[in-house]
Amino acid sequence: MTGFKYKDLESIMSKNGIVRLENGTSNISFERLAELLKFMGYTLSDFMYLSGESRVDEVYGEKFHIIRYQQGYRDDFFFQLV
């Protein structure tokens, strides 16, 4: 998505929160995960299918990171517009 920046996402979760989630040092509720996925145009069902897992557990941050990158949401999506 062109022009997508962190400020568009900050109402759902902070950059540090996403980094901790993706590194596996923190977990979030399914509701928050659903909000993040919805922001990128996905559902929890899509996430389960795309991650190849039969359940979402302590590694879903890693799966979220993979899906985020596959969909073109690179690290520059954390940069705020100045």
N, C-alpha and C. Protein backbone atom coordinates (compact mmCIF):
# COMPACT_ATOMS: atom_id res chain seq x y z
N MET A 1 0.85 -1.18 0.00
CA MET A 1 0.00 0.00 0.00
C MET A 1 0.90 1.24 0.00
N THR A 2 0.83 2.04 -1.00
CA THR A 2 1.64 3.23 -1.11
C THR A 2 1.21 4.28 -0.09
N GLY A 3 2.19 4.91 0.55
CA GLY A 3 1.89 5.95 1.51
C GLY A 3 1.47 5.45 2.87
N PHE A 4 1.51 4.14 3.09
CA PHE A 4 1.14 3.59 4.38
C PHE A 4 2.25 3.88 5.38
N LYS A 5 1.92 4.47 6.49
CA LYS A 5 2.91 4.83 7.51
C LYS A 5 2.43 4.38 8.87
N TYR A 6 3.37 4.33 9.79
CA TYR A 6 3.08 3.90 11.16
C TYR A 6 1.93 4.68 11.79
N LYS A 7 1.87 5.98 11.51
CA LYS A 7 0.81 6.78 12.12
C LYS A 7 -0.57 6.24 11.79
N ASP A 8 -0.70 5.53 10.66
CA ASP A 8 -1.97 4.93 10.29
C ASP A 8 -2.32 3.74 11.18
N LEU A 9 -1.31 3.14 11.76
CA LEU A 9 -1.49 1.93 12.56
C LEU A 9 -1.45 2.18 14.06
N GLU A 10 -0.91 3.32 14.48
CA GLU A 10 -0.64 3.55 15.89
C GLU A 10 -1.88 3.50 16.79
N SER A 11 -3.05 3.70 16.25
CA SER A 11 -4.25 3.62 17.09
C SER A 11 -4.55 2.18 17.49
N ILE A 12 -3.99 1.20 16.76
CA ILE A 12 -4.20 -0.21 17.09
C ILE A 12 -3.06 -0.73 17.96
N MET A 13 -1.82 -0.45 17.56
CA MET A 13 -0.67 -0.97 18.30
C MET A 13 0.57 -0.17 17.96
N SER A 14 1.43 0.01 18.96
CA SER A 14 2.65 0.78 18.76
C SER A 14 3.68 -0.03 17.98
N LYS A 15 4.67 0.67 17.44
CA LYS A 15 5.78 0.02 16.75
C LYS A 15 6.45 -0.98 17.68
N ASN A 16 6.75 -0.57 18.90
CA ASN A 16 7.42 -1.46 19.85
C ASN A 16 6.58 -2.68 20.15
N GLY A 17 5.27 -2.51 20.23
CA GLY A 17 4.38 -3.64 20.47
C GLY A 17 4.44 -4.65 19.34
N ILE A 18 4.46 -4.17 18.10
CA ILE A 18 4.54 -5.07 16.95
C ILE A 18 5.89 -5.75 16.89
N VAL A 19 6.96 -5.01 17.18
CA VAL A 19 8.30 -5.61 17.18
C VAL A 19 8.37 -6.72 18.22
N ARG A 20 7.86 -6.47 19.43
CA ARG A 20 7.87 -7.51 20.47
C ARG A 20 7.02 -8.71 20.06
N LEU A 21 5.87 -8.46 19.46
CA LEU A 21 5.00 -9.53 18.98
C LEU A 21 5.73 -10.38 17.95
N GLU A 22 6.33 -9.72 16.96
CA GLU A 22 6.99 -10.44 15.88
C GLU A 22 8.25 -11.16 16.34
N ASN A 23 8.90 -10.66 17.39
CA ASN A 23 10.09 -11.31 17.94
C ASN A 23 9.75 -12.43 18.91
N GLY A 24 8.49 -12.57 19.25
CA GLY A 24 8.08 -13.62 20.18
C GLY A 24 8.31 -13.29 21.63
N THR A 25 8.56 -12.02 21.94
CA THR A 25 8.80 -11.64 23.34
C THR A 25 7.53 -11.14 24.02
N SER A 26 6.44 -11.10 23.27
CA SER A 26 5.18 -10.63 23.82
C SER A 26 4.05 -11.24 23.00
N ASN A 27 2.92 -11.41 23.63
CA ASN A 27 1.72 -11.88 22.95
C ASN A 27 0.64 -10.82 23.05
N ILE A 28 -0.36 -10.94 22.20
CA ILE A 28 -1.50 -10.05 22.25
C ILE A 28 -2.76 -10.89 22.22
N SER A 29 -3.85 -10.27 22.51
CA SER A 29 -5.13 -10.98 22.48
C SER A 29 -5.52 -11.26 21.04
N PHE A 30 -6.40 -12.23 20.87
CA PHE A 30 -6.91 -12.52 19.53
C PHE A 30 -7.66 -11.32 18.98
N GLU A 31 -8.29 -10.57 19.86
CA GLU A 31 -9.02 -9.38 19.41
C GLU A 31 -8.07 -8.36 18.80
N ARG A 32 -6.92 -8.13 19.47
CA ARG A 32 -5.93 -7.17 18.94
C ARG A 32 -5.32 -7.70 17.65
N LEU A 33 -5.02 -8.99 17.61
CA LEU A 33 -4.50 -9.59 16.38
C LEU A 33 -5.50 -9.41 15.25
N ALA A 34 -6.77 -9.61 15.55
CA ALA A 34 -7.82 -9.44 14.53
C ALA A 34 -7.86 -8.00 14.03
N GLU A 35 -7.66 -7.03 14.94
CA GLU A 35 -7.64 -5.62 14.53
C GLU A 35 -6.47 -5.35 13.59
N LEU A 36 -5.28 -5.86 13.94
CA LEU A 36 -4.10 -5.66 13.09
C LEU A 36 -4.31 -6.27 11.71
N LEU A 37 -4.84 -7.48 11.70
CA LEU A 37 -5.09 -8.15 10.43
C LEU A 37 -6.14 -7.42 9.60
N LYS A 38 -7.20 -6.98 10.26
CA LYS A 38 -8.26 -6.25 9.55
C LYS A 38 -7.69 -4.99 8.90
N PHE A 39 -6.77 -4.33 9.60
CA PHE A 39 -6.14 -3.13 9.07
C PHE A 39 -5.44 -3.43 7.74
N MET A 40 -4.87 -4.65 7.62
CA MET A 40 -4.17 -5.04 6.40
C MET A 40 -5.08 -5.79 5.44
N GLY A 41 -6.36 -5.90 5.76
CA GLY A 41 -7.32 -6.52 4.85
C GLY A 41 -7.47 -8.02 5.02
N TYR A 42 -7.16 -8.54 6.21
CA TYR A 42 -7.26 -9.97 6.47
C TYR A 42 -8.15 -10.27 7.66
N THR A 43 -8.53 -11.53 7.78
CA THR A 43 -9.28 -12.01 8.94
C THR A 43 -8.41 -13.02 9.69
N LEU A 44 -8.85 -13.42 10.88
CA LEU A 44 -8.14 -14.47 11.60
C LEU A 44 -8.12 -15.76 10.80
N SER A 45 -9.20 -16.05 10.09
CA SER A 45 -9.24 -17.25 9.24
C SER A 45 -8.18 -17.18 8.14
N ASP A 46 -8.05 -16.01 7.51
CA ASP A 46 -7.01 -15.83 6.51
C ASP A 46 -5.64 -16.08 7.12
N PHE A 47 -5.43 -15.52 8.30
CA PHE A 47 -4.15 -15.65 9.01
C PHE A 47 -3.83 -17.12 9.28
N MET A 48 -4.81 -17.86 9.75
CA MET A 48 -4.61 -19.28 10.03
C MET A 48 -4.23 -20.01 8.74
N TYR A 49 -4.93 -19.71 7.68
CA TYR A 49 -4.66 -20.36 6.40
C TYR A 49 -3.27 -19.99 5.88
N LEU A 50 -2.96 -18.69 5.87
CA LEU A 50 -1.69 -18.23 5.33
C LEU A 50 -0.50 -18.65 6.17
N SER A 51 -0.70 -18.81 7.47
CA SER A 51 0.41 -19.19 8.34
C SER A 51 0.67 -20.69 8.29
N GLY A 52 -0.30 -21.46 7.76
CA GLY A 52 -0.11 -22.90 7.66
C GLY A 52 -0.21 -23.63 8.98
N GLU A 53 -0.76 -23.00 9.97
CA GLU A 53 -0.89 -23.60 11.30
C GLU A 53 -2.34 -24.00 11.55
N SER A 54 -2.50 -25.03 12.34
CA SER A 54 -3.85 -25.44 12.72
C SER A 54 -4.31 -24.71 13.97
N ARG A 55 -3.39 -23.98 14.60
CA ARG A 55 -3.76 -23.19 15.78
C ARG A 55 -2.82 -21.99 15.87
N VAL A 56 -3.25 -20.97 16.56
CA VAL A 56 -2.42 -19.80 16.78
C VAL A 56 -1.96 -19.86 18.23
N ASP A 57 -0.66 -19.83 18.44
CA ASP A 57 -0.14 -19.90 19.80
C ASP A 57 0.98 -18.90 19.98
N GLU A 58 1.98 -19.23 20.80
CA GLU A 58 3.03 -18.27 21.13
C GLU A 58 3.90 -17.88 19.94
N VAL A 59 3.78 -18.53 18.81
CA VAL A 59 4.59 -18.15 17.65
C VAL A 59 3.82 -17.32 16.64
N TYR A 60 2.63 -16.85 16.96
CA TYR A 60 1.89 -16.13 15.94
C TYR A 60 2.50 -14.79 15.59
N GLY A 61 3.34 -14.23 16.46
CA GLY A 61 4.04 -13.00 16.10
C GLY A 61 4.96 -13.21 14.92
N GLU A 62 5.66 -14.34 14.92
CA GLU A 62 6.54 -14.68 13.80
C GLU A 62 5.74 -14.85 12.52
N LYS A 63 4.60 -15.51 12.62
CA LYS A 63 3.75 -15.72 11.44
C LYS A 63 3.21 -14.38 10.93
N PHE A 64 2.82 -13.49 11.87
CA PHE A 64 2.33 -12.17 11.48
C PHE A 64 3.42 -11.43 10.72
N HIS A 65 4.65 -11.50 11.22
CA HIS A 65 5.78 -10.83 10.57
C HIS A 65 5.96 -11.34 9.13
N ILE A 66 5.91 -12.64 8.94
CA ILE A 66 6.07 -13.23 7.62
C ILE A 66 4.97 -12.75 6.68
N ILE A 67 3.73 -12.78 7.14
CA ILE A 67 2.61 -12.35 6.31
C ILE A 67 2.70 -10.86 6.00
N ARG A 68 3.09 -10.06 6.99
CA ARG A 68 3.24 -8.62 6.78
C ARG A 68 4.25 -8.37 5.67
N TYR A 69 5.39 -9.05 5.71
CA TYR A 69 6.41 -8.87 4.67
C TYR A 69 5.93 -9.39 3.32
N GLN A 70 5.27 -10.52 3.31
CA GLN A 70 4.79 -11.07 2.05
C GLN A 70 3.80 -10.12 1.36
N GLN A 71 3.09 -9.35 2.14
CA GLN A 71 2.10 -8.43 1.58
C GLN A 71 2.67 -7.05 1.30
N GLY A 72 3.98 -6.89 1.48
CA GLY A 72 4.62 -5.62 1.13
C GLY A 72 4.62 -4.57 2.21
N TYR A 73 4.23 -4.92 3.42
CA TYR A 73 4.28 -3.98 4.54
C TYR A 73 5.65 -4.08 5.19
N ARG A 74 6.62 -3.40 4.61
CA ARG A 74 8.00 -3.47 5.06
C ARG A 74 8.20 -2.62 6.31
N ASP A 75 9.45 -2.62 6.81
CA ASP A 75 9.73 -1.90 8.05
C ASP A 75 9.50 -0.40 7.93
N ASP A 76 9.53 0.15 6.70
CA ASP A 76 9.29 1.59 6.58
C ASP A 76 7.85 1.95 6.92
N PHE A 77 6.99 0.95 7.12
CA PHE A 77 5.64 1.29 7.53
C PHE A 77 5.61 1.78 8.97
N PHE A 78 6.76 1.68 9.67
CA PHE A 78 6.87 2.20 11.03
C PHE A 78 7.28 3.67 11.05
N PHE A 79 7.74 4.21 9.95
CA PHE A 79 8.26 5.58 9.94
C PHE A 79 7.11 6.57 9.92
N GLN A 80 7.16 7.48 10.85
CA GLN A 80 6.13 8.51 10.90
C GLN A 80 6.44 9.58 9.86
N LEU A 81 5.39 10.14 9.31
CA LEU A 81 5.56 11.27 8.42
C LEU A 81 5.97 12.49 9.23
N VAL A 82 6.91 13.22 8.73
CA VAL A 82 7.40 14.40 9.46
C VAL A 82 6.70 15.64 8.94
